[in-house]
PDB file of N, CA and C in Angstrom:
ATOM      1  N   UNK A   1     -25.587 -99.201  44.327  1.00  0.00           N
ATOM      2  CA  UNK A   1     -24.580 -98.694  43.441  1.00  0.00           C
ATOM      3  C   UNK A   1     -24.406 -99.635  42.269  1.00  0.00           C
ATOM      4  N   UNK A   2     -24.324-100.918  42.562  1.00  0.00           N
ATOM      5  CA  UNK A   2     -24.178-101.887  41.472  1.00  0.00           C
ATOM      6  C   UNK A   2     -25.387-101.837  40.544  1.00  0.00           C
ATOM      7  N   UNK A   3     -26.553-101.565  41.117  1.00  0.00           N
ATOM      8  CA  UNK A   3     -27.756-101.463  40.287  1.00  0.00           C
ATOM      9  C   UNK A   3     -27.654-100.277  39.341  1.00  0.00           C
ATOM     10  N   UNK A   4     -27.097 -99.177  39.825  1.00  0.00           N
ATOM     11  CA  UNK A   4     -26.937 -97.992  38.978  1.00  0.00           C
ATOM     12  C   UNK A   4     -25.959 -98.297  37.852  1.00  0.00           C
ATOM     13  N   UNK A   5     -24.822 -98.921  38.201  1.00  0.00           N
ATOM     14  CA  UNK A   5     -23.834 -99.266  37.179  1.00  0.00           C
ATOM     15  C   UNK A   5     -24.409-100.265  36.190  1.00  0.00           C
ATOM     16  N   UNK A   6     -25.105-101.261  36.705  1.00  0.00           N
ATOM     17  CA  UNK A   6     -25.712-102.264  35.823  1.00  0.00           C
ATOM     18  C   UNK A   6     -26.709-101.613  34.876  1.00  0.00           C
ATOM     19  N   UNK A   7     -27.522-100.708  35.391  1.00  0.00           N
ATOM     20  CA  UNK A   7     -28.498-100.024  34.540  1.00  0.00           C
ATOM     21  C   UNK A   7     -27.796 -99.192  33.473  1.00  0.00           C
ATOM     22  N   UNK A   8     -26.730 -98.529  33.862  1.00  0.00           N
ATOM     23  CA  UNK A   8     -25.985 -97.709  32.896  1.00  0.00           C
ATOM     24  C   UNK A   8     -25.368 -98.583  31.810  1.00  0.00           C
ATOM     25  N   UNK A   9     -24.779 -99.690  32.214  1.00  0.00           N
ATOM     26  CA  UNK A   9     -24.138-100.570  31.235  1.00  0.00           C
ATOM     27  C   UNK A   9     -25.172-101.304  30.387  1.00  0.00           C
ATOM     28  N   UNK A  10     -26.339-101.595  30.963  1.00  0.00           N
ATOM     29  CA  UNK A  10     -27.389-102.230  30.177  1.00  0.00           C
ATOM     30  C   UNK A  10     -27.987-101.265  29.161  1.00  0.00           C
ATOM     31  N   UNK A  11     -27.917 -99.990  29.467  1.00  0.00           N
ATOM     32  CA  UNK A  11     -28.436 -98.994  28.524  1.00  0.00           C
ATOM     33  C   UNK A  11     -27.534 -98.818  27.317  1.00  0.00           C
ATOM     34  N   UNK A  12     -26.281 -99.230  27.423  1.00  0.00           N
ATOM     35  CA  UNK A  12     -25.347 -99.056  26.314  1.00  0.00           C
ATOM     36  C   UNK A  12     -25.834 -99.691  25.016  1.00  0.00           C
ATOM     37  N   UNK A  13     -26.399-100.919  25.032  1.00  0.00           N
ATOM     38  CA  UNK A  13     -26.881-101.472  23.766  1.00  0.00           C
ATOM     39  C   UNK A  13     -27.973-100.636  23.116  1.00  0.00           C
ATOM     40  N   UNK A  14     -28.847-100.027  23.921  1.00  0.00           N
ATOM     41  CA  UNK A  14     -29.889 -99.166  23.357  1.00  0.00           C
ATOM     42  C   UNK A  14     -29.264 -97.943  22.702  1.00  0.00           C
ATOM     43  N   UNK A  15     -28.315 -97.363  23.381  1.00  0.00           N
ATOM     44  CA  UNK A  15     -27.618 -96.218  22.808  1.00  0.00           C
ATOM     45  C   UNK A  15     -26.829 -96.642  21.579  1.00  0.00           C
ATOM     46  N   UNK A  16     -26.243 -97.821  21.657  1.00  0.00           N
ATOM     47  CA  UNK A  16     -25.464 -98.330  20.535  1.00  0.00           C
ATOM     48  C   UNK A  16     -26.334 -98.503  19.305  1.00  0.00           C
ATOM     49  N   UNK A  17     -27.508 -99.060  19.484  1.00  0.00           N
ATOM     50  CA  UNK A  17     -28.410 -99.269  18.351  1.00  0.00           C
ATOM     51  C   UNK A  17     -28.787 -97.938  17.711  1.00  0.00           C
ATOM     52  N   UNK A  18     -28.993 -96.949  18.536  1.00  0.00           N
ATOM     53  CA  UNK A  18     -29.370 -95.641  18.018  1.00  0.00           C
ATOM     54  C   UNK A  18     -28.220 -94.975  17.277  1.00  0.00           C
ATOM     55  N   UNK A  19     -26.985 -95.386  17.577  1.00  0.00           N
ATOM     56  CA  UNK A  19     -25.817 -94.756  16.972  1.00  0.00           C
ATOM     57  C   UNK A  19     -25.138 -95.659  15.940  1.00  0.00           C
ATOM     58  N   UNK A  20     -25.804 -96.717  15.501  1.00  0.00           N
ATOM     59  CA  UNK A  20     -25.226 -97.582  14.491  1.00  0.00           C
ATOM     60  C   UNK A  20     -24.266 -98.631  15.016  1.00  0.00           C
ATOM     61  N   UNK A  21     -24.312 -98.904  16.298  1.00  0.00           N
ATOM     62  CA  UNK A  21     -23.473 -99.935  16.888  1.00  0.00           C
ATOM     63  C   UNK A  21     -24.147-101.294  16.733  1.00  0.00           C
ATOM     64  N   UNK A  22     -23.499-102.377  17.196  1.00  0.00           N
ATOM     65  CA  UNK A  22     -24.056-103.727  17.034  1.00  0.00           C
ATOM     66  C   UNK A  22     -25.483-103.846  17.546  1.00  0.00           C
ATOM     67  N   UNK A  23     -26.289-104.574  16.786  1.00  0.00           N
ATOM     68  CA  UNK A  23     -27.693-104.769  17.167  1.00  0.00           C
ATOM     69  C   UNK A  23     -28.038-106.236  17.360  1.00  0.00           C
ATOM     70  N   UNK A  24     -27.216-107.111  16.853  1.00  0.00           N
ATOM     71  CA  UNK A  24     -27.517-108.538  16.934  1.00  0.00           C
ATOM     72  C   UNK A  24     -26.382-109.263  17.638  1.00  0.00           C
ATOM     73  N   UNK A  25     -26.666-110.453  18.173  1.00  0.00           N
ATOM     74  CA  UNK A  25     -25.593-111.248  18.782  1.00  0.00           C
ATOM     75  C   UNK A  25     -24.456-111.531  17.791  1.00  0.00           C
ATOM     76  N   UNK A  26     -24.793-111.761  16.530  1.00  0.00           N
ATOM     77  CA  UNK A  26     -23.753-112.023  15.533  1.00  0.00           C
ATOM     78  C   UNK A  26     -22.838-110.812  15.362  1.00  0.00           C
ATOM     79  N   UNK A  27     -23.409-109.617  15.420  1.00  0.00           N
ATOM     80  CA  UNK A  27     -22.586-108.403  15.317  1.00  0.00           C
ATOM     81  C   UNK A  27     -21.695-108.238  16.542  1.00  0.00           C
ATOM     82  N   UNK A  28     -22.251-108.514  17.733  1.00  0.00           N
ATOM     83  CA  UNK A  28     -21.430-108.461  18.940  1.00  0.00           C
ATOM     84  C   UNK A  28     -20.319-109.504  18.875  1.00  0.00           C
ATOM     85  N   UNK A  29     -20.650-110.699  18.412  1.00  0.00           N
ATOM     86  CA  UNK A  29     -19.653-111.757  18.285  1.00  0.00           C
ATOM     87  C   UNK A  29     -18.511-111.293  17.399  1.00  0.00           C
ATOM     88  N   UNK A  30     -18.849-110.700  16.273  1.00  0.00           N
ATOM     89  CA  UNK A  30     -17.822-110.240  15.337  1.00  0.00           C
ATOM     90  C   UNK A  30     -16.911-109.202  15.994  1.00  0.00           C
ATOM     91  N   UNK A  31     -17.482-108.283  16.759  1.00  0.00           N
ATOM     92  CA  UNK A  31     -16.678-107.247  17.404  1.00  0.00           C
ATOM     93  C   UNK A  31     -15.876-107.766  18.598  1.00  0.00           C
ATOM     94  N   UNK A  32     -16.452-108.664  19.374  1.00  0.00           N
ATOM     95  CA  UNK A  32     -15.769-109.193  20.552  1.00  0.00           C
ATOM     96  C   UNK A  32     -14.665-110.175  20.175  1.00  0.00           C
ATOM     97  N   UNK A  33     -14.858-110.890  19.084  1.00  0.00           N
ATOM     98  CA  UNK A  33     -13.946-111.949  18.655  1.00  0.00           C
ATOM     99  C   UNK A  33     -12.693-111.352  18.008  1.00  0.00           C
ATOM    100  N   UNK A  34     -11.800-110.845  18.832  1.00  0.00           N
ATOM    101  CA  UNK A  34     -10.632-110.139  18.309  1.00  0.00           C
ATOM    102  C   UNK A  34      -9.623-111.047  17.628  1.00  0.00           C
ATOM    103  N   UNK A  35      -9.631-112.345  17.937  1.00  0.00           N
ATOM    104  CA  UNK A  35      -8.683-113.234  17.261  1.00  0.00           C
ATOM    105  C   UNK A  35      -9.291-113.936  16.044  1.00  0.00           C
ATOM    106  N   UNK A  36     -10.576-113.666  15.774  1.00  0.00           N
ATOM    107  CA  UNK A  36     -11.213-114.160  14.557  1.00  0.00           C
ATOM    108  C   UNK A  36     -11.468-115.653  14.498  1.00  0.00           C
ATOM    109  N   UNK A  37     -11.569-116.308  15.663  1.00  0.00           N
ATOM    110  CA  UNK A  37     -11.798-117.758  15.652  1.00  0.00           C
ATOM    111  C   UNK A  37     -13.276-118.147  15.678  1.00  0.00           C
ATOM    112  N   UNK A  38     -14.167-117.148  15.595  1.00  0.00           N
ATOM    113  CA  UNK A  38     -15.593-117.438  15.534  1.00  0.00           C
ATOM    114  C   UNK A  38     -16.260-117.663  16.870  1.00  0.00           C
ATOM    115  N   UNK A  39     -15.550-117.370  17.936  1.00  0.00           N
ATOM    116  CA  UNK A  39     -16.106-117.508  19.286  1.00  0.00           C
ATOM    117  C   UNK A  39     -15.450-116.468  20.180  1.00  0.00           C
ATOM    118  N   UNK A  40     -16.062-116.251  21.340  1.00  0.00           N
ATOM    119  CA  UNK A  40     -15.588-115.209  22.258  1.00  0.00           C
ATOM    120  C   UNK A  40     -15.038-115.862  23.517  1.00  0.00           C
ATOM    121  N   UNK A  41     -13.767-115.605  23.785  1.00  0.00           N
ATOM    122  CA  UNK A  41     -13.152-116.102  25.011  1.00  0.00           C
ATOM    123  C   UNK A  41     -13.547-115.213  26.189  1.00  0.00           C
ATOM    124  N   UNK A  42     -13.273-115.687  27.377  1.00  0.00           N
ATOM    125  CA  UNK A  42     -13.555-114.886  28.573  1.00  0.00           C
ATOM    126  C   UNK A  42     -12.812-113.552  28.494  1.00  0.00           C
ATOM    127  N   UNK A  43     -11.553-113.567  28.092  1.00  0.00           N
ATOM    128  CA  UNK A  43     -10.776-112.331  28.036  1.00  0.00           C
ATOM    129  C   UNK A  43     -11.331-111.367  26.991  1.00  0.00           C
ATOM    130  N   UNK A  44     -11.728-111.894  25.832  1.00  0.00           N
ATOM    131  CA  UNK A  44     -12.325-111.034  24.806  1.00  0.00           C
ATOM    132  C   UNK A  44     -13.615-110.393  25.322  1.00  0.00           C
ATOM    133  N   UNK A  45     -14.434-111.167  26.031  1.00  0.00           N
ATOM    134  CA  UNK A  45     -15.693-110.675  26.603  1.00  0.00           C
ATOM    135  C   UNK A  45     -15.415-109.561  27.608  1.00  0.00           C
ATOM    136  N   UNK A  46     -14.489-109.816  28.519  1.00  0.00           N
ATOM    137  CA  UNK A  46     -14.160-108.834  29.559  1.00  0.00           C
ATOM    138  C   UNK A  46     -13.570-107.569  28.933  1.00  0.00           C
ATOM    139  N   UNK A  47     -12.658-107.748  27.988  1.00  0.00           N
ATOM    140  CA  UNK A  47     -12.035-106.580  27.351  1.00  0.00           C
ATOM    141  C   UNK A  47     -13.079-105.718  26.646  1.00  0.00           C
ATOM    142  N   UNK A  48     -13.945-106.343  25.875  1.00  0.00           N
ATOM    143  CA  UNK A  48     -14.951-105.593  25.121  1.00  0.00           C
ATOM    144  C   UNK A  48     -15.904-104.842  26.050  1.00  0.00           C
ATOM    145  N   UNK A  49     -16.396-105.534  27.069  1.00  0.00           N
ATOM    146  CA  UNK A  49     -17.385-104.924  27.955  1.00  0.00           C
ATOM    147  C   UNK A  49     -16.765-103.989  28.995  1.00  0.00           C
ATOM    148  N   UNK A  50     -15.454-104.006  29.130  1.00  0.00           N
ATOM    149  CA  UNK A  50     -14.777-103.044  30.011  1.00  0.00           C
ATOM    150  C   UNK A  50     -14.630-101.690  29.344  1.00  0.00           C
ATOM    151  N   UNK A  51     -14.795-101.639  28.054  1.00  0.00           N
ATOM    152  CA  UNK A  51     -14.656-100.370  27.337  1.00  0.00           C
ATOM    153  C   UNK A  51     -15.669 -99.331  27.834  1.00  0.00           C
ATOM    154  N   UNK A  52     -16.883 -99.756  28.140  1.00  0.00           N
ATOM    155  CA  UNK A  52     -17.894 -98.837  28.665  1.00  0.00           C
ATOM    156  C   UNK A  52     -17.475 -98.254  30.007  1.00  0.00           C
ATOM    157  N   UNK A  53     -16.905 -99.094  30.859  1.00  0.00           N
ATOM    158  CA  UNK A  53     -16.403 -98.627  32.154  1.00  0.00           C
ATOM    159  C   UNK A  53     -15.340 -97.568  31.920  1.00  0.00           C
ATOM    160  N   UNK A  54     -14.410 -97.869  31.042  1.00  0.00           N
ATOM    161  CA  UNK A  54     -13.303 -96.936  30.785  1.00  0.00           C
ATOM    162  C   UNK A  54     -13.799 -95.604  30.226  1.00  0.00           C
ATOM    163  N   UNK A  55     -14.841 -95.658  29.385  1.00  0.00           N
ATOM    164  CA  UNK A  55     -15.405 -94.405  28.863  1.00  0.00           C
ATOM    165  C   UNK A  55     -16.046 -93.579  29.984  1.00  0.00           C
ATOM    166  N   UNK A  56     -16.655 -94.259  30.941  1.00  0.00           N
ATOM    167  CA  UNK A  56     -17.296 -93.550  32.056  1.00  0.00           C
ATOM    168  C   UNK A  56     -16.271 -93.022  33.056  1.00  0.00           C
ATOM    169  N   UNK A  57     -15.100 -93.636  33.120  1.00  0.00           N
ATOM    170  CA  UNK A  57     -14.050 -93.275  34.075  1.00  0.00           C
ATOM    171  C   UNK A  57     -13.307 -92.035  33.582  1.00  0.00           C
ATOM    172  N   UNK A  58     -13.919 -90.889  33.805  1.00  0.00           N
ATOM    173  CA  UNK A  58     -13.432 -89.627  33.241  1.00  0.00           C
ATOM    174  C   UNK A  58     -11.995 -89.296  33.639  1.00  0.00           C
ATOM    175  N   UNK A  59     -11.608 -89.608  34.866  1.00  0.00           N
ATOM    176  CA  UNK A  59     -10.260 -89.261  35.301  1.00  0.00           C
ATOM    177  C   UNK A  59      -9.257 -90.404  35.089  1.00  0.00           C
ATOM    178  N   UNK A  60      -9.733 -91.550  34.583  1.00  0.00           N
ATOM    179  CA  UNK A  60      -8.843 -92.650  34.231  1.00  0.00           C
ATOM    180  C   UNK A  60      -8.146 -93.328  35.387  1.00  0.00           C
ATOM    181  N   UNK A  61      -8.719 -93.250  36.582  1.00  0.00           N
ATOM    182  CA  UNK A  61      -8.053 -93.838  37.743  1.00  0.00           C
ATOM    183  C   UNK A  61      -8.484 -95.280  38.034  1.00  0.00           C
ATOM    184  N   UNK A  62      -9.345 -95.848  37.185  1.00  0.00           N
ATOM    185  CA  UNK A  62      -9.771 -97.225  37.401  1.00  0.00           C
ATOM    186  C   UNK A  62     -10.874 -97.380  38.431  1.00  0.00           C
ATOM    187  N   UNK A  63     -11.448 -96.279  38.836  1.00  0.00           N
ATOM    188  CA  UNK A  63     -12.548 -96.280  39.807  1.00  0.00           C
ATOM    189  C   UNK A  63     -13.641 -95.360  39.286  1.00  0.00           C
ATOM    190  N   UNK A  64     -14.855 -95.879  39.243  1.00  0.00           N
ATOM    191  CA  UNK A  64     -15.990 -95.014  38.917  1.00  0.00           C
ATOM    192  C   UNK A  64     -16.474 -94.403  40.220  1.00  0.00           C
ATOM    193  N   UNK A  65     -16.238 -93.110  40.338  1.00  0.00           N
ATOM    194  CA  UNK A  65     -16.668 -92.349  41.509  1.00  0.00           C
ATOM    195  C   UNK A  65     -18.118 -91.919  41.290  1.00  0.00           C
ATOM    196  N   UNK A  66     -18.821 -91.535  42.352  1.00  0.00           N
ATOM    197  CA  UNK A  66     -20.227 -91.134  42.203  1.00  0.00           C
ATOM    198  C   UNK A  66     -20.458 -90.102  41.103  1.00  0.00           C
ATOM    199  N   UNK A  67     -19.575 -89.137  40.984  1.00  0.00           N
ATOM    200  CA  UNK A  67     -19.774 -88.094  39.976  1.00  0.00           C
ATOM    201  C   UNK A  67     -19.572 -88.606  38.547  1.00  0.00           C
ATOM    202  N   UNK A  68     -18.986 -89.791  38.391  1.00  0.00           N
ATOM    203  CA  UNK A  68     -18.805 -90.384  37.065  1.00  0.00           C
ATOM    204  C   UNK A  68     -19.957 -91.321  36.696  1.00  0.00           C
ATOM    205  N   UNK A  69     -20.854 -91.558  37.632  1.00  0.00           N
ATOM    206  CA  UNK A  69     -21.982 -92.458  37.419  1.00  0.00           C
ATOM    207  C   UNK A  69     -23.210 -91.675  36.962  1.00  0.00           C
ATOM    208  N   UNK A  70     -24.085 -92.340  36.202  1.00  0.00           N
ATOM    209  CA  UNK A  70     -25.339 -91.670  35.825  1.00  0.00           C
ATOM    210  C   UNK A  70     -26.082 -91.221  37.091  1.00  0.00           C
ATOM    211  N   UNK A  71     -26.553 -90.018  37.083  1.00  0.00           N
ATOM    212  CA  UNK A  71     -27.243 -89.472  38.245  1.00  0.00           C
ATOM    213  C   UNK A  71     -26.298 -88.861  39.257  1.00  0.00           C
ATOM    214  N   UNK A  72     -24.999 -89.127  39.109  1.00  0.00           N
ATOM    215  CA  UNK A  72     -24.004 -88.518  39.986  1.00  0.00           C
ATOM    216  C   UNK A  72     -23.987 -89.020  41.409  1.00  0.00           C
ATOM    217  N   UNK A  73     -24.505 -90.242  41.633  1.00  0.00           N
ATOM    218  CA  UNK A  73     -24.467 -90.776  42.992  1.00  0.00           C
ATOM    219  C   UNK A  73     -24.314 -92.287  42.952  1.00  0.00           C
ATOM    220  N   UNK A  74     -23.953 -92.851  44.096  1.00  0.00           N
ATOM    221  CA  UNK A  74     -23.729 -94.279  44.241  1.00  0.00           C
ATOM    222  C   UNK A  74     -22.372 -94.512  44.866  1.00  0.00           C
ATOM    223  N   UNK A  75     -22.073 -95.759  45.129  1.00  0.00           N
ATOM    224  CA  UNK A  75     -20.787 -96.119  45.717  1.00  0.00           C
ATOM    225  C   UNK A  75     -19.755 -96.311  44.609  1.00  0.00           C
ATOM    226  N   UNK A  76     -18.515 -95.967  44.890  1.00  0.00           N
ATOM    227  CA  UNK A  76     -17.460 -96.182  43.895  1.00  0.00           C
ATOM    228  C   UNK A  76     -17.339 -97.674  43.548  1.00  0.00           C
ATOM    229  N   UNK A  77     -16.970 -97.946  42.305  1.00  0.00           N
ATOM    230  CA  UNK A  77     -16.718 -99.313  41.881  1.00  0.00           C
ATOM    231  C   UNK A  77     -15.416 -99.332  41.094  1.00  0.00           C
ATOM    232  N   UNK A  78     -14.594-100.319  41.382  1.00  0.00           N
ATOM    233  CA  UNK A  78     -13.300-100.411  40.706  1.00  0.00           C
ATOM    234  C   UNK A  78     -13.439-101.198  39.407  1.00  0.00           C
ATOM    235  N   UNK A  79     -12.488-100.966  38.520  1.00  0.00           N
ATOM    236  CA  UNK A  79     -12.445-101.726  37.266  1.00  0.00           C
ATOM    237  C   UNK A  79     -12.307-103.211  37.574  1.00  0.00           C
ATOM    238  N   UNK A  80     -11.497-103.548  38.557  1.00  0.00           N
ATOM    239  CA  UNK A  80     -11.302-104.961  38.918  1.00  0.00           C
ATOM    240  C   UNK A  80     -12.619-105.608  39.357  1.00  0.00           C
ATOM    241  N   UNK A  81     -13.367-104.909  40.188  1.00  0.00           N
ATOM    242  CA  UNK A  81     -14.655-105.425  40.643  1.00  0.00           C
ATOM    243  C   UNK A  81     -15.618-105.593  39.465  1.00  0.00           C
ATOM    244  N   UNK A  82     -15.634-104.600  38.585  1.00  0.00           N
ATOM    245  CA  UNK A  82     -16.479-104.667  37.397  1.00  0.00           C
ATOM    246  C   UNK A  82     -16.083-105.882  36.544  1.00  0.00           C
ATOM    247  N   UNK A  83     -14.794-106.078  36.352  1.00  0.00           N
ATOM    248  CA  UNK A  83     -14.331-107.199  35.535  1.00  0.00           C
ATOM    249  C   UNK A  83     -14.606-108.541  36.208  1.00  0.00           C
ATOM    250  N   UNK A  84     -14.524-108.597  37.521  1.00  0.00           N
ATOM    251  CA  UNK A  84     -14.895-109.830  38.237  1.00  0.00           C
ATOM    252  C   UNK A  84     -16.354-110.162  37.979  1.00  0.00           C
ATOM    253  N   UNK A  85     -17.222-109.143  37.997  1.00  0.00           N
ATOM    254  CA  UNK A  85     -18.644-109.352  37.700  1.00  0.00           C
ATOM    255  C   UNK A  85     -18.837-109.833  36.266  1.00  0.00           C
ATOM    256  N   UNK A  86     -18.072-109.271  35.339  1.00  0.00           N
ATOM    257  CA  UNK A  86     -18.160-109.708  33.934  1.00  0.00           C
ATOM    258  C   UNK A  86     -17.737-111.172  33.790  1.00  0.00           C
ATOM    259  N   UNK A  87     -16.713-111.574  34.503  1.00  0.00           N
ATOM    260  CA  UNK A  87     -16.257-112.976  34.434  1.00  0.00           C
ATOM    261  C   UNK A  87     -17.344-113.931  34.951  1.00  0.00           C
ATOM    262  N   UNK A  88     -17.987-113.530  36.041  1.00  0.00           N
ATOM    263  CA  UNK A  88     -19.089-114.359  36.558  1.00  0.00           C
ATOM    264  C   UNK A  88     -20.210-114.450  35.524  1.00  0.00           C
ATOM    265  N   UNK A  89     -20.533-113.325  34.892  1.00  0.00           N
ATOM    266  CA  UNK A  89     -21.575-113.311  33.864  1.00  0.00           C
ATOM    267  C   UNK A  89     -21.179-114.192  32.685  1.00  0.00           C
ATOM    268  N   UNK A  90     -19.922-114.123  32.283  1.00  0.00           N
ATOM    269  CA  UNK A  90     -19.440-114.952  31.173  1.00  0.00           C
ATOM    270  C   UNK A  90     -19.712-116.431  31.462  1.00  0.00           C
ATOM    271  N   UNK A  91     -19.378-116.872  32.660  1.00  0.00           N
ATOM    272  CA  UNK A  91     -19.555-118.287  33.003  1.00  0.00           C
ATOM    273  C   UNK A  91     -21.026-118.689  33.075  1.00  0.00           C
ATOM    274  N   UNK A  92     -21.893-117.753  33.416  1.00  0.00           N
ATOM    275  CA  UNK A  92     -23.328-118.046  33.376  1.00  0.00           C
ATOM    276  C   UNK A  92     -23.812-118.184  31.937  1.00  0.00           C
ATOM    277  N   UNK A  93     -23.279-117.348  31.048  1.00  0.00           N
ATOM    278  CA  UNK A  93     -23.678-117.412  29.637  1.00  0.00           C
ATOM    279  C   UNK A  93     -23.111-118.630  28.924  1.00  0.00           C
ATOM    280  N   UNK A  94     -21.964-119.113  29.368  1.00  0.00           N
ATOM    281  CA  UNK A  94     -21.298-120.259  28.734  1.00  0.00           C
ATOM    282  C   UNK A  94     -22.015-121.555  29.122  1.00  0.00           C
ATOM    283  N   UNK A  95     -23.163-121.743  28.503  1.00  0.00           N
ATOM    284  CA  UNK A  95     -24.043-122.857  28.884  1.00  0.00           C
ATOM    285  C   UNK A  95     -23.451-124.231  28.593  1.00  0.00           C
ATOM    286  N   UNK A  96     -22.606-124.340  27.554  1.00  0.00           N
ATOM    287  CA  UNK A  96     -22.025-125.655  27.243  1.00  0.00           C
ATOM    288  C   UNK A  96     -20.663-125.849  27.925  1.00  0.00           C
ATOM    289  N   UNK A  97     -20.230-124.881  28.697  1.00  0.00           N
ATOM    290  CA  UNK A  97     -19.018-124.951  29.518  1.00  0.00           C
ATOM    291  C   UNK A  97     -17.760-125.280  28.717  1.00  0.00           C
ATOM    292  N   UNK A  98     -17.682-124.726  27.498  1.00  0.00           N
ATOM    293  CA  UNK A  98     -16.478-124.957  26.697  1.00  0.00           C
ATOM    294  C   UNK A  98     -15.459-123.831  26.834  1.00  0.00           C
ATOM    295  N   UNK A  99     -15.784-122.817  27.642  1.00  0.00           N
ATOM    296  CA  UNK A  99     -14.861-121.706  27.849  1.00  0.00           C
ATOM    297  C   UNK A  99     -14.959-120.615  26.798  1.00  0.00           C
ATOM    298  N   UNK A 100     -15.963-120.709  25.934  1.00  0.00           N
ATOM    299  CA  UNK A 100     -16.171-119.718  24.874  1.00  0.00           C
ATOM    300  C   UNK A 100     -17.660-119.437  24.734  1.00  0.00           C
ATOM    301  N   UNK A 101     -17.967-118.268  24.171  1.00  0.00           N
ATOM    302  CA  UNK A 101     -19.350-117.937  23.853  1.00  0.00           C
ATOM    303  C   UNK A 101     -19.506-117.898  22.345  1.00  0.00           C
ATOM    304  N   UNK A 102     -20.616-118.473  21.880  1.00  0.00           N
ATOM    305  CA  UNK A 102     -20.969-118.349  20.468  1.00  0.00           C
ATOM    306  C   UNK A 102     -22.161-117.400  20.377  1.00  0.00           C
ATOM    307  N   UNK A 103     -22.625-117.136  19.166  1.00  0.00           N
ATOM    308  CA  UNK A 103     -23.723-116.177  18.981  1.00  0.00           C
ATOM    309  C   UNK A 103     -24.980-116.616  19.734  1.00  0.00           C
ATOM    310  N   UNK A 104     -25.240-117.909  19.768  1.00  0.00           N
ATOM    311  CA  UNK A 104     -26.430-118.403  20.467  1.00  0.00           C
ATOM    312  C   UNK A 104     -26.334-118.133  21.968  1.00  0.00           C
ATOM    313  N   UNK A 105     -25.172-118.366  22.543  1.00  0.00           N
ATOM    314  CA  UNK A 105     -24.998-118.110  23.975  1.00  0.00           C
ATOM    315  C   UNK A 105     -25.045-116.605  24.270  1.00  0.00           C
ATOM    316  N   UNK A 106     -24.502-115.790  23.371  1.00  0.00           N
ATOM    317  CA  UNK A 106     -24.568-114.337  23.562  1.00  0.00           C
ATOM    318  C   UNK A 106     -26.005-113.835  23.526  1.00  0.00           C
ATOM    319  N   UNK A 107     -26.848-114.506  22.750  1.00  0.00           N
ATOM    320  CA  UNK A 107     -28.246-114.081  22.607  1.00  0.00           C
ATOM    321  C   UNK A 107     -29.122-114.539  23.768  1.00  0.00           C
ATOM    322  N   UNK A 108     -28.692-115.551  24.489  1.00  0.00           N
ATOM    323  CA  UNK A 108     -29.513-116.117  25.558  1.00  0.00           C
ATOM    324  C   UNK A 108     -29.578-115.170  26.755  1.00  0.00           C
ATOM    325  N   UNK A 109     -30.730-115.097  27.401  1.00  0.00           N
ATOM    326  CA  UNK A 109     -30.805-114.290  28.624  1.00  0.00           C
ATOM    327  C   UNK A 109     -29.938-114.938  29.701  1.00  0.00           C
ATOM    328  N   UNK A 110     -29.385-114.130  30.604  1.00  0.00           N
ATOM    329  CA  UNK A 110     -28.551-114.683  31.674  1.00  0.00           C
ATOM    330  C   UNK A 110     -29.310-115.716  32.495  1.00  0.00           C
ATOM    331  N   UNK A 111     -28.584-116.712  32.933  1.00  0.00           N
ATOM    332  CA  UNK A 111     -29.177-117.780  33.754  1.00  0.00           C
ATOM    333  C   UNK A 111     -29.441-117.300  35.156  1.00  0.00           C
TER     334      UNK A 111
END
């Protein structure tokens, strides 16, 4: 189930590029950096990347049910679980351990 969700969320950048959404780490940085300080905090990262979950959550209950997932099957996943996974990913990307991501860290493949 997590693989299905991960694949769906990983496909978002491809769809985004086709629809005029961010294509570069600098563009993602600009969109994620809601306070304009030139870096992305953990909360900004989680908030931005939770938007895809919320779009998929058709009934708005905070749970992606099988029928809301690509292919219509898999185990349900909660928004909280998804956000916990995003937080873990953030800390893997934060290579200098300063609590923020810059464009270079956003561009790096996950550790």
